[in-house]
């Protein structure tokens, strides 16, 4: 075991932990922000795991997620744009 794997575990637990309750119970705007933050943290966790396991193919998945996560946020923002505020 090297230092990359515990760093990935700490980031996954500490970073994704607050995103889960906000994504499940927040207002729609808070849910979109939690989704965006979770995508960013997940891509960082995948990069740490790629370094920890010395697998370059895992880096491809992390970089794909880093490109696609903001696009998903834009789609949800577009869907929320027509809603009346609470």
C-alpha atoms as a PDB file:
ATOM      1  CA  UNK A   1       0.000   0.000   0.000  1.00  0.00           C
ATOM      2  CA  UNK A   2       1.271   3.452  -0.864  1.00  0.00           C
ATOM      3  CA  UNK A   3       0.218   6.968   0.145  1.00  0.00           C
ATOM      4  CA  UNK A   4      -2.063   7.447  -2.860  1.00  0.00           C
ATOM      5  CA  UNK A   5      -4.670   4.913  -1.726  1.00  0.00           C
ATOM      6  CA  UNK A   6      -5.322   6.359   1.767  1.00  0.00           C
ATOM      7  CA  UNK A   7      -5.448   9.830   0.205  1.00  0.00           C
ATOM      8  CA  UNK A   8      -8.117   8.591  -2.210  1.00  0.00           C
ATOM      9  CA  UNK A   9     -10.090   7.032   0.662  1.00  0.00           C
ATOM     10  CA  UNK A  10      -9.951  10.212   2.743  1.00  0.00           C
ATOM     11  CA  UNK A  11     -10.989  12.364  -0.205  1.00  0.00           C
ATOM     12  CA  UNK A  12     -13.811   9.988  -1.116  1.00  0.00           C
ATOM     13  CA  UNK A  13     -15.212   9.860   2.415  1.00  0.00           C
ATOM     14  CA  UNK A  14     -14.601  13.489   3.315  1.00  0.00           C
ATOM     15  CA  UNK A  15     -15.547  14.953  -0.028  1.00  0.00           C
ATOM     16  CA  UNK A  16     -18.422  12.812  -1.192  1.00  0.00           C
ATOM     17  CA  UNK A  17     -19.947  12.476   2.279  1.00  0.00           C
ATOM     18  CA  UNK A  18     -21.436  15.998   2.358  1.00  0.00           C
ATOM     19  CA  UNK A  19     -22.561  15.743  -1.278  1.00  0.00           C
ATOM     20  CA  UNK A  20     -24.821  12.775  -0.632  1.00  0.00           C
ATOM     21  CA  UNK A  21     -27.281  14.325   1.870  1.00  0.00           C
ATOM     22  CA  UNK A  22     -27.347  17.602  -0.045  1.00  0.00           C
ATOM     23  CA  UNK A  23     -27.986  15.776  -3.296  1.00  0.00           C
ATOM     24  CA  UNK A  24     -30.809  13.787  -1.757  1.00  0.00           C
ATOM     25  CA  UNK A  25     -32.613  16.391   0.334  1.00  0.00           C
ATOM     26  CA  UNK A  26     -31.591  19.855  -0.813  1.00  0.00           C
ATOM     27  CA  UNK A  27     -33.373  22.322  -3.015  1.00  0.00           C
ATOM     28  CA  UNK A  28     -32.983  21.763  -6.756  1.00  0.00           C
ATOM     29  CA  UNK A  29     -30.237  24.390  -6.922  1.00  0.00           C
ATOM     30  CA  UNK A  30     -28.367  22.735  -4.051  1.00  0.00           C
ATOM     31  CA  UNK A  31     -28.739  19.357  -5.724  1.00  0.00           C
ATOM     32  CA  UNK A  32     -27.147  20.643  -8.936  1.00  0.00           C
ATOM     33  CA  UNK A  33     -24.258  22.138  -6.943  1.00  0.00           C
ATOM     34  CA  UNK A  34     -23.801  18.843  -5.055  1.00  0.00           C
ATOM     35  CA  UNK A  35     -23.806  16.933  -8.358  1.00  0.00           C
ATOM     36  CA  UNK A  36     -21.157  19.239  -9.786  1.00  0.00           C
ATOM     37  CA  UNK A  37     -18.986  18.951  -6.677  1.00  0.00           C
ATOM     38  CA  UNK A  38     -19.388  15.163  -6.599  1.00  0.00           C
ATOM     39  CA  UNK A  39     -18.242  14.915 -10.216  1.00  0.00           C
ATOM     40  CA  UNK A  40     -15.149  16.961  -9.492  1.00  0.00           C
ATOM     41  CA  UNK A  41     -14.276  14.993  -6.352  1.00  0.00           C
ATOM     42  CA  UNK A  42     -14.904  11.658  -8.047  1.00  0.00           C
ATOM     43  CA  UNK A  43     -12.570  12.528 -10.881  1.00  0.00           C
ATOM     44  CA  UNK A  44      -9.864  13.506  -8.359  1.00  0.00           C
ATOM     45  CA  UNK A  45     -10.419  10.234  -6.469  1.00  0.00           C
ATOM     46  CA  UNK A  46     -10.081   8.261  -9.697  1.00  0.00           C
ATOM     47  CA  UNK A  47      -6.828  10.058 -10.501  1.00  0.00           C
ATOM     48  CA  UNK A  48      -5.485   9.198  -7.039  1.00  0.00           C
ATOM     49  CA  UNK A  49      -6.524   5.565  -7.509  1.00  0.00           C
ATOM     50  CA  UNK A  50      -4.811   5.494 -10.905  1.00  0.00           C
ATOM     51  CA  UNK A  51      -1.587   6.607  -9.246  1.00  0.00           C
ATOM     52  CA  UNK A  52      -2.057   4.223  -6.313  1.00  0.00           C
ATOM     53  CA  UNK A  53      -2.602   1.162  -8.477  1.00  0.00           C
ATOM     54  CA  UNK A  54      -0.153   2.312 -11.193  1.00  0.00           C
ATOM     55  CA  UNK A  55      -2.778   1.810 -13.919  1.00  0.00           C
ATOM     56  CA  UNK A  56      -2.817   4.409 -16.661  1.00  0.00           C
ATOM     57  CA  UNK A  57      -6.135   3.144 -17.999  1.00  0.00           C
ATOM     58  CA  UNK A  58      -7.860   4.456 -14.861  1.00  0.00           C
ATOM     59  CA  UNK A  59      -6.628   7.916 -15.786  1.00  0.00           C
ATOM     60  CA  UNK A  60      -8.696   7.789 -18.971  1.00  0.00           C
ATOM     61  CA  UNK A  61     -11.871   7.195 -16.976  1.00  0.00           C
ATOM     62  CA  UNK A  62     -11.072  10.096 -14.645  1.00  0.00           C
ATOM     63  CA  UNK A  63     -10.402  12.472 -17.525  1.00  0.00           C
ATOM     64  CA  UNK A  64     -13.597  11.390 -19.318  1.00  0.00           C
ATOM     65  CA  UNK A  65     -15.560  12.094 -16.148  1.00  0.00           C
ATOM     66  CA  UNK A  66     -13.864  15.473 -15.771  1.00  0.00           C
ATOM     67  CA  UNK A  67     -15.066  16.426 -19.261  1.00  0.00           C
ATOM     68  CA  UNK A  68     -18.592  14.988 -19.011  1.00  0.00           C
ATOM     69  CA  UNK A  69     -19.549  16.094 -15.474  1.00  0.00           C
ATOM     70  CA  UNK A  70     -19.856  19.817 -16.305  1.00  0.00           C
ATOM     71  CA  UNK A  71     -21.939  18.920 -19.370  1.00  0.00           C
ATOM     72  CA  UNK A  72     -24.388  17.081 -17.115  1.00  0.00           C
ATOM     73  CA  UNK A  73     -24.552  20.095 -14.846  1.00  0.00           C
ATOM     74  CA  UNK A  74     -25.403  22.293 -17.815  1.00  0.00           C
ATOM     75  CA  UNK A  75     -28.222  19.944 -18.814  1.00  0.00           C
ATOM     76  CA  UNK A  76     -29.740  20.017 -15.332  1.00  0.00           C
ATOM     77  CA  UNK A  77     -29.349  23.800 -15.167  1.00  0.00           C
ATOM     78  CA  UNK A  78     -31.195  24.102 -18.452  1.00  0.00           C
ATOM     79  CA  UNK A  79     -34.016  21.956 -17.083  1.00  0.00           C
ATOM     80  CA  UNK A  80     -34.240  24.054 -13.921  1.00  0.00           C
ATOM     81  CA  UNK A  81     -34.271  27.340 -15.822  1.00  0.00           C
ATOM     82  CA  UNK A  82     -37.969  27.072 -16.652  1.00  0.00           C
ATOM     83  CA  UNK A  83     -39.070  26.346 -13.076  1.00  0.00           C
ATOM     84  CA  UNK A  84     -40.637  28.894 -10.804  1.00  0.00           C
ATOM     85  CA  UNK A  85     -38.540  29.661  -7.703  1.00  0.00           C
ATOM     86  CA  UNK A  86     -39.852  28.428  -4.387  1.00  0.00           C
END
